PDB file of N, CA and C in Angstrom:
ATOM      1  N   UNK A   1      26.550  -9.808  -7.729  1.00  0.00           N
ATOM      2  CA  UNK A   1      25.066  -9.150  -7.948  1.00  0.00           C
ATOM      3  C   UNK A   1      25.234  -8.174  -9.015  1.00  0.00           C
ATOM      4  N   UNK A   2      24.235  -8.370  -9.985  1.00  0.00           N
ATOM      5  CA  UNK A   2      24.313  -7.466 -11.074  1.00  0.00           C
ATOM      6  C   UNK A   2      23.753  -6.072 -10.803  1.00  0.00           C
ATOM      7  N   UNK A   3      24.000  -5.218 -11.810  1.00  0.00           N
ATOM      8  CA  UNK A   3      23.548  -3.704 -11.588  1.00  0.00           C
ATOM      9  C   UNK A   3      21.976  -3.777 -11.591  1.00  0.00           C
ATOM     10  N   UNK A   4      21.244  -4.707 -12.324  1.00  0.00           N
ATOM     11  CA  UNK A   4      19.860  -4.810 -12.372  1.00  0.00           C
ATOM     12  C   UNK A   4      19.379  -5.162 -11.032  1.00  0.00           C
ATOM     13  N   UNK A   5      19.980  -6.212 -10.454  1.00  0.00           N
ATOM     14  CA  UNK A   5      19.587  -6.598  -9.144  1.00  0.00           C
ATOM     15  C   UNK A   5      19.594  -5.640  -8.048  1.00  0.00           C
ATOM     16  N   UNK A   6      20.640  -4.719  -8.122  1.00  0.00           N
ATOM     17  CA  UNK A   6      20.987  -3.688  -7.204  1.00  0.00           C
ATOM     18  C   UNK A   6      19.835  -2.523  -7.176  1.00  0.00           C
ATOM     19  N   UNK A   7      19.575  -2.254  -8.582  1.00  0.00           N
ATOM     20  CA  UNK A   7      18.462  -1.205  -8.777  1.00  0.00           C
ATOM     21  C   UNK A   7      17.038  -1.791  -8.180  1.00  0.00           C
ATOM     22  N   UNK A   8      16.860  -3.129  -8.589  1.00  0.00           N
ATOM     23  CA  UNK A   8      15.484  -3.654  -8.077  1.00  0.00           C
ATOM     24  C   UNK A   8      15.491  -3.647  -6.482  1.00  0.00           C
ATOM     25  N   UNK A   9      16.664  -3.980  -5.882  1.00  0.00           N
ATOM     26  CA  UNK A   9      16.653  -4.091  -4.526  1.00  0.00           C
ATOM     27  C   UNK A   9      16.412  -2.642  -3.928  1.00  0.00           C
ATOM     28  N   UNK A  10      17.012  -1.607  -4.378  1.00  0.00           N
ATOM     29  CA  UNK A  10      16.837  -0.334  -4.008  1.00  0.00           C
ATOM     30  C   UNK A  10      15.403   0.167  -4.058  1.00  0.00           C
ATOM     31  N   UNK A  11      14.812   0.015  -5.373  1.00  0.00           N
ATOM     32  CA  UNK A  11      13.293   0.140  -5.695  1.00  0.00           C
ATOM     33  C   UNK A  11      12.543  -0.611  -4.612  1.00  0.00           C
ATOM     34  N   UNK A  12      12.872  -1.854  -4.510  1.00  0.00           N
ATOM     35  CA  UNK A  12      12.009  -2.658  -3.404  1.00  0.00           C
ATOM     36  C   UNK A  12      12.049  -2.168  -2.078  1.00  0.00           C
ATOM     37  N   UNK A  13      13.054  -1.635  -1.620  1.00  0.00           N
ATOM     38  CA  UNK A  13      13.077  -1.137  -0.173  1.00  0.00           C
ATOM     39  C   UNK A  13      12.414   0.157  -0.085  1.00  0.00           C
ATOM     40  N   UNK A  14      12.481   0.932  -1.373  1.00  0.00           N
ATOM     41  CA  UNK A  14      11.627   2.313  -1.241  1.00  0.00           C
ATOM     42  C   UNK A  14      10.214   2.017  -1.129  1.00  0.00           C
ATOM     43  N   UNK A  15       9.799   1.032  -2.003  1.00  0.00           N
ATOM     44  CA  UNK A  15       8.412   0.591  -1.989  1.00  0.00           C
ATOM     45  C   UNK A  15       7.832   0.056  -0.718  1.00  0.00           C
ATOM     46  N   UNK A  16       8.852  -0.641   0.128  1.00  0.00           N
ATOM     47  CA  UNK A  16       8.501  -1.139   1.387  1.00  0.00           C
ATOM     48  C   UNK A  16       8.260   0.012   2.253  1.00  0.00           C
ATOM     49  N   UNK A  17       9.241   0.859   2.343  1.00  0.00           N
ATOM     50  CA  UNK A  17       9.128   2.099   3.065  1.00  0.00           C
ATOM     51  C   UNK A  17       7.692   2.932   2.808  1.00  0.00           C
ATOM     52  N   UNK A  18       7.474   3.101   1.617  1.00  0.00           N
ATOM     53  CA  UNK A  18       6.150   3.730   1.123  1.00  0.00           C
ATOM     54  C   UNK A  18       4.901   3.011   1.640  1.00  0.00           C
ATOM     55  N   UNK A  19       4.976   1.769   1.513  1.00  0.00           N
ATOM     56  CA  UNK A  19       3.740   1.084   2.055  1.00  0.00           C
ATOM     57  C   UNK A  19       3.615   1.063   3.551  1.00  0.00           C
ATOM     58  N   UNK A  20       4.731   1.101   4.450  1.00  0.00           N
ATOM     59  CA  UNK A  20       4.631   1.330   5.779  1.00  0.00           C
ATOM     60  C   UNK A  20       4.225   2.763   6.161  1.00  0.00           C
ATOM     61  N   UNK A  21       4.803   3.686   5.503  1.00  0.00           N
ATOM     62  CA  UNK A  21       4.372   5.162   5.671  1.00  0.00           C
ATOM     63  C   UNK A  21       2.856   5.448   5.441  1.00  0.00           C
ATOM     64  N   UNK A  22       2.498   5.079   4.215  1.00  0.00           N
ATOM     65  CA  UNK A  22       1.172   5.312   3.822  1.00  0.00           C
ATOM     66  C   UNK A  22       0.169   4.514   4.798  1.00  0.00           C
ATOM     67  N   UNK A  23       0.446   3.362   5.095  1.00  0.00           N
ATOM     68  CA  UNK A  23      -0.472   2.629   6.047  1.00  0.00           C
ATOM     69  C   UNK A  23      -0.501   3.292   7.298  1.00  0.00           C
ATOM     70  N   UNK A  24       0.609   3.838   7.804  1.00  0.00           N
ATOM     71  CA  UNK A  24       0.664   4.442   9.104  1.00  0.00           C
ATOM     72  C   UNK A  24       0.010   5.797   9.170  1.00  0.00           C
ATOM     73  N   UNK A  25      -0.054   6.507   8.006  1.00  0.00           N
ATOM     74  CA  UNK A  25      -0.678   7.821   7.972  1.00  0.00           C
ATOM     75  C   UNK A  25      -2.374   7.658   7.807  1.00  0.00           C
ATOM     76  N   UNK A  26      -2.804   6.567   7.240  1.00  0.00           N
ATOM     77  CA  UNK A  26      -4.193   6.436   7.125  1.00  0.00           C
ATOM     78  C   UNK A  26      -4.779   6.636   8.554  1.00  0.00           C
ATOM     79  N   UNK A  27      -6.024   7.065   8.638  1.00  0.00           N
ATOM     80  CA  UNK A  27      -6.816   7.271   9.840  1.00  0.00           C
ATOM     81  C   UNK A  27      -7.587   5.953  10.048  1.00  0.00           C
ATOM     82  N   UNK A  28      -7.634   5.598  11.386  1.00  0.00           N
ATOM     83  CA  UNK A  28      -8.240   4.303  11.827  1.00  0.00           C
ATOM     84  C   UNK A  28      -9.700   4.229  11.592  1.00  0.00           C
ATOM     85  N   UNK A  29     -10.325   3.072  11.610  1.00  0.00           N
ATOM     86  CA  UNK A  29     -11.696   2.917  11.435  1.00  0.00           C
ATOM     87  C   UNK A  29     -12.257   2.976  12.795  1.00  0.00           C
ATOM     88  N   UNK A  30     -13.597   3.497  12.955  1.00  0.00           N
ATOM     89  CA  UNK A  30     -14.207   3.526  14.100  1.00  0.00           C
ATOM     90  C   UNK A  30     -14.596   2.112  14.654  1.00  0.00           C
ATOM     91  N   UNK A  31     -14.403   1.808  16.073  1.00  0.00           N
ATOM     92  CA  UNK A  31     -14.680   0.624  16.544  1.00  0.00           C
ATOM     93  C   UNK A  31     -16.109   0.500  16.929  1.00  0.00           C
ATOM     94  N   UNK A  32     -16.656  -0.793  17.056  1.00  0.00           N
ATOM     95  CA  UNK A  32     -18.007  -0.980  17.626  1.00  0.00           C
ATOM     96  C   UNK A  32     -19.071  -0.993  16.356  1.00  0.00           C
ATOM     97  N   UNK A  33     -20.300  -1.336  16.818  1.00  0.00           N
ATOM     98  CA  UNK A  33     -21.292  -1.549  15.877  1.00  0.00           C
ATOM     99  C   UNK A  33     -21.636  -0.275  15.215  1.00  0.00           C
ATOM    100  N   UNK A  34     -21.740   0.848  16.091  1.00  0.00           N
ATOM    101  CA  UNK A  34     -21.992   2.076  15.454  1.00  0.00           C
ATOM    102  C   UNK A  34     -20.974   2.493  14.367  1.00  0.00           C
ATOM    103  N   UNK A  35     -19.778   2.330  14.648  1.00  0.00           N
ATOM    104  CA  UNK A  35     -18.683   2.686  13.583  1.00  0.00           C
ATOM    105  C   UNK A  35     -18.891   1.762  12.408  1.00  0.00           C
ATOM    106  N   UNK A  36     -19.371   0.681  12.419  1.00  0.00           N
ATOM    107  CA  UNK A  36     -19.503  -0.244  11.274  1.00  0.00           C
ATOM    108  C   UNK A  36     -20.667   0.123  10.614  1.00  0.00           C
ATOM    109  N   UNK A  37     -21.734   0.561  11.114  1.00  0.00           N
ATOM    110  CA  UNK A  37     -22.943   1.070  10.364  1.00  0.00           C
ATOM    111  C   UNK A  37     -22.514   2.255   9.664  1.00  0.00           C
ATOM    112  N   UNK A  38     -21.977   3.128  10.423  1.00  0.00           N
ATOM    113  CA  UNK A  38     -21.786   4.586   9.797  1.00  0.00           C
ATOM    114  C   UNK A  38     -20.813   4.438   8.733  1.00  0.00           C
ATOM    115  N   UNK A  39     -19.777   3.659   8.930  1.00  0.00           N
ATOM    116  CA  UNK A  39     -18.694   3.435   7.924  1.00  0.00           C
ATOM    117  C   UNK A  39     -19.278   2.908   6.559  1.00  0.00           C
ATOM    118  N   UNK A  40     -20.107   1.934   6.690  1.00  0.00           N
ATOM    119  CA  UNK A  40     -20.810   1.231   5.553  1.00  0.00           C
ATOM    120  C   UNK A  40     -21.557   2.178   4.898  1.00  0.00           C
ATOM    121  N   UNK A  41     -22.319   3.169   5.484  1.00  0.00           N
ATOM    122  CA  UNK A  41     -23.124   4.037   5.053  1.00  0.00           C
ATOM    123  C   UNK A  41     -22.373   5.078   4.305  1.00  0.00           C
ATOM    124  N   UNK A  42     -21.279   5.567   4.893  1.00  0.00           N
ATOM    125  CA  UNK A  42     -20.404   6.636   4.154  1.00  0.00           C
ATOM    126  C   UNK A  42     -19.712   6.037   2.988  1.00  0.00           C
ATOM    127  N   UNK A  43     -19.293   4.743   3.047  1.00  0.00           N
ATOM    128  CA  UNK A  43     -18.777   4.218   1.781  1.00  0.00           C
ATOM    129  C   UNK A  43     -19.753   3.932   0.729  1.00  0.00           C
ATOM    130  N   UNK A  44     -20.842   3.855   1.230  1.00  0.00           N
ATOM    131  CA  UNK A  44     -22.118   3.347   0.190  1.00  0.00           C
ATOM    132  C   UNK A  44     -22.465   4.652  -0.526  1.00  0.00           C
ATOM    133  N   UNK A  45     -22.460   5.758   0.243  1.00  0.00           N
ATOM    134  CA  UNK A  45     -22.933   7.071  -0.323  1.00  0.00           C
ATOM    135  C   UNK A  45     -21.870   7.826  -0.773  1.00  0.00           C
ATOM    136  N   UNK A  46     -20.683   7.327  -0.847  1.00  0.00           N
ATOM    137  CA  UNK A  46     -19.569   7.995  -1.548  1.00  0.00           C
ATOM    138  C   UNK A  46     -19.066   9.091  -0.605  1.00  0.00           C
ATOM    139  N   UNK A  47     -18.968   9.196   0.695  1.00  0.00           N
ATOM    140  CA  UNK A  47     -18.500  10.266   1.340  1.00  0.00           C
ATOM    141  C   UNK A  47     -17.006  10.078   1.710  1.00  0.00           C
ATOM    142  N   UNK A  48     -16.330   9.149   1.254  1.00  0.00           N
ATOM    143  CA  UNK A  48     -15.018   8.828   1.508  1.00  0.00           C
ATOM    144  C   UNK A  48     -14.085   9.706   0.590  1.00  0.00           C
ATOM    145  N   UNK A  49     -13.760  11.056   0.826  1.00  0.00           N
ATOM    146  CA  UNK A  49     -13.100  11.799  -0.001  1.00  0.00           C
ATOM    147  C   UNK A  49     -11.752  12.362   0.757  1.00  0.00           C
ATOM    148  N   UNK A  50     -10.973  12.857  -0.046  1.00  0.00           N
ATOM    149  CA  UNK A  50      -9.785  13.701   0.629  1.00  0.00           C
ATOM    150  C   UNK A  50      -8.628  12.877   0.772  1.00  0.00           C
ATOM    151  N   UNK A  51      -7.966  13.112   1.872  1.00  0.00           N
ATOM    152  CA  UNK A  51      -6.649  12.669   1.969  1.00  0.00           C
ATOM    153  C   UNK A  51      -6.789  11.106   2.404  1.00  0.00           C
ATOM    154  N   UNK A  52      -7.790  10.513   3.033  1.00  0.00           N
ATOM    155  CA  UNK A  52      -7.685   9.173   3.124  1.00  0.00           C
ATOM    156  C   UNK A  52      -7.902   8.200   1.883  1.00  0.00           C
ATOM    157  N   UNK A  53      -8.727   8.713   0.933  1.00  0.00           N
ATOM    158  CA  UNK A  53      -8.900   8.257  -0.232  1.00  0.00           C
ATOM    159  C   UNK A  53      -7.575   8.146  -1.027  1.00  0.00           C
ATOM    160  N   UNK A  54      -6.723   9.192  -1.006  1.00  0.00           N
ATOM    161  CA  UNK A  54      -5.666   9.341  -1.752  1.00  0.00           C
ATOM    162  C   UNK A  54      -4.595   8.489  -1.041  1.00  0.00           C
ATOM    163  N   UNK A  55      -4.524   8.316   0.317  1.00  0.00           N
ATOM    164  CA  UNK A  55      -3.411   7.442   0.936  1.00  0.00           C
ATOM    165  C   UNK A  55      -3.945   6.024   0.484  1.00  0.00           C
ATOM    166  N   UNK A  56      -5.046   5.710   0.555  1.00  0.00           N
ATOM    167  CA  UNK A  56      -5.492   4.362   0.254  1.00  0.00           C
ATOM    168  C   UNK A  56      -5.195   3.829  -1.195  1.00  0.00           C
ATOM    169  N   UNK A  57      -5.291   4.782  -2.151  1.00  0.00           N
ATOM    170  CA  UNK A  57      -4.728   4.390  -3.623  1.00  0.00           C
ATOM    171  C   UNK A  57      -3.436   4.391  -3.480  1.00  0.00           C
ATOM    172  N   UNK A  58      -2.722   5.328  -2.883  1.00  0.00           N
ATOM    173  CA  UNK A  58      -1.221   5.349  -2.838  1.00  0.00           C
ATOM    174  C   UNK A  58      -0.689   4.142  -2.237  1.00  0.00           C
ATOM    175  N   UNK A  59      -1.324   3.565  -1.218  1.00  0.00           N
ATOM    176  CA  UNK A  59      -0.793   2.376  -0.367  1.00  0.00           C
ATOM    177  C   UNK A  59      -1.006   1.137  -1.437  1.00  0.00           C
ATOM    178  N   UNK A  60      -2.205   1.196  -2.011  1.00  0.00           N
ATOM    179  CA  UNK A  60      -2.528   0.210  -2.921  1.00  0.00           C
ATOM    180  C   UNK A  60      -1.329  -0.001  -4.176  1.00  0.00           C
ATOM    181  N   UNK A  61      -0.953   1.262  -4.704  1.00  0.00           N
ATOM    182  CA  UNK A  61      -0.030   1.280  -5.748  1.00  0.00           C
ATOM    183  C   UNK A  61       1.475   0.926  -5.154  1.00  0.00           C
ATOM    184  N   UNK A  62       1.796   1.240  -4.007  1.00  0.00           N
ATOM    185  CA  UNK A  62       3.028   0.821  -3.404  1.00  0.00           C
ATOM    186  C   UNK A  62       3.013  -0.687  -3.175  1.00  0.00           C
ATOM    187  N   UNK A  63       1.750  -1.223  -2.682  1.00  0.00           N
ATOM    188  CA  UNK A  63       1.725  -2.640  -2.465  1.00  0.00           C
ATOM    189  C   UNK A  63       1.843  -3.404  -3.861  1.00  0.00           C
ATOM    190  N   UNK A  64       1.283  -2.953  -4.973  1.00  0.00           N
ATOM    191  CA  UNK A  64       1.302  -3.715  -6.189  1.00  0.00           C
ATOM    192  C   UNK A  64       2.815  -3.661  -6.695  1.00  0.00           C
ATOM    193  N   UNK A  65       3.480  -2.301  -6.545  1.00  0.00           N
ATOM    194  CA  UNK A  65       4.852  -2.375  -6.917  1.00  0.00           C
ATOM    195  C   UNK A  65       5.753  -3.271  -6.095  1.00  0.00           C
ATOM    196  N   UNK A  66       5.404  -3.245  -4.848  1.00  0.00           N
ATOM    197  CA  UNK A  66       6.299  -4.231  -3.872  1.00  0.00           C
ATOM    198  C   UNK A  66       6.170  -5.649  -4.267  1.00  0.00           C
ATOM    199  N   UNK A  67       4.904  -6.151  -4.671  1.00  0.00           N
ATOM    200  CA  UNK A  67       4.752  -7.356  -5.141  1.00  0.00           C
ATOM    201  C   UNK A  67       5.431  -7.683  -6.479  1.00  0.00           C
ATOM    202  N   UNK A  68       5.268  -7.024  -7.306  1.00  0.00           N
ATOM    203  CA  UNK A  68       6.059  -7.007  -8.526  1.00  0.00           C
ATOM    204  C   UNK A  68       7.609  -7.067  -8.435  1.00  0.00           C
ATOM    205  N   UNK A  69       8.176  -6.281  -7.658  1.00  0.00           N
ATOM    206  CA  UNK A  69       9.602  -6.274  -7.381  1.00  0.00           C
ATOM    207  C   UNK A  69      10.004  -7.372  -6.637  1.00  0.00           C
ATOM    208  N   UNK A  70       9.149  -7.957  -5.621  1.00  0.00           N
ATOM    209  CA  UNK A  70       9.400  -9.252  -5.096  1.00  0.00           C
ATOM    210  C   UNK A  70       9.544 -10.420  -5.996  1.00  0.00           C
ATOM    211  N   UNK A  71       8.521 -10.415  -6.858  1.00  0.00           N
ATOM    212  CA  UNK A  71       8.524 -11.499  -7.917  1.00  0.00           C
ATOM    213  C   UNK A  71       9.663 -11.382  -8.951  1.00  0.00           C
ATOM    214  N   UNK A  72      10.128 -10.163  -9.363  1.00  0.00           N
ATOM    215  CA  UNK A  72      11.242  -9.962 -10.014  1.00  0.00           C
ATOM    216  C   UNK A  72      12.629 -10.442  -9.389  1.00  0.00           C
ATOM    217  N   UNK A  73      12.762  -9.962  -8.294  1.00  0.00           N
ATOM    218  CA  UNK A  73      13.982 -10.262  -7.444  1.00  0.00           C
ATOM    219  C   UNK A  73      13.974 -11.656  -7.133  1.00  0.00           C
ATOM    220  N   UNK A  74      12.931 -12.451  -7.008  1.00  0.00           N
ATOM    221  CA  UNK A  74      12.954 -13.951  -6.613  1.00  0.00           C
ATOM    222  C   UNK A  74      13.405 -14.702  -7.929  1.00  0.00           C
ATOM    223  N   UNK A  75      12.724 -14.233  -8.988  1.00  0.00           N
ATOM    224  CA  UNK A  75      13.276 -14.953 -10.147  1.00  0.00           C
ATOM    225  C   UNK A  75      14.605 -14.687 -10.516  1.00  0.00           C
ATOM    226  N   UNK A  76      15.047 -13.512 -10.184  1.00  0.00           N
ATOM    227  CA  UNK A  76      16.457 -13.263 -10.764  1.00  0.00           C
ATOM    228  C   UNK A  76      17.610 -13.810  -9.759  1.00  0.00           C
ATOM    229  N   UNK A  77      17.100 -13.985  -8.575  1.00  0.00           N
ATOM    230  CA  UNK A  77      18.151 -14.509  -7.492  1.00  0.00           C
ATOM    231  C   UNK A  77      18.200 -16.014  -7.597  1.00  0.00           C
ATOM    232  N   UNK A  78      17.018 -16.756  -8.059  1.00  0.00           N
ATOM    233  CA  UNK A  78      16.961 -18.134  -8.112  1.00  0.00           C
ATOM    234  C   UNK A  78      17.904 -18.783  -9.175  1.00  0.00           C
ATOM    235  N   UNK A  79      18.124 -17.959 -10.179  1.00  0.00           N
ATOM    236  CA  UNK A  79      18.984 -18.592 -11.222  1.00  0.00           C
ATOM    237  C   UNK A  79      20.393 -18.742 -10.834  1.00  0.00           C
TER     238      UNK A  79
END
């Protein structure tokens, strides 16, 4: 195993933990029809602010990084 593969593996594991933590920290959506209507109205009128928006963007970034490191590791390990 080369040094590059070890570094990518460590980054991959950290990104996986980042995805897990940020998804678990996000607040849940309201259940039922009233929650669906209220949630749609809040998103439409732009009331989704604060920590939930930050965690959503952060988890998206972690997921994209996780996908990229997965592709890089699979291409280096297949050789």
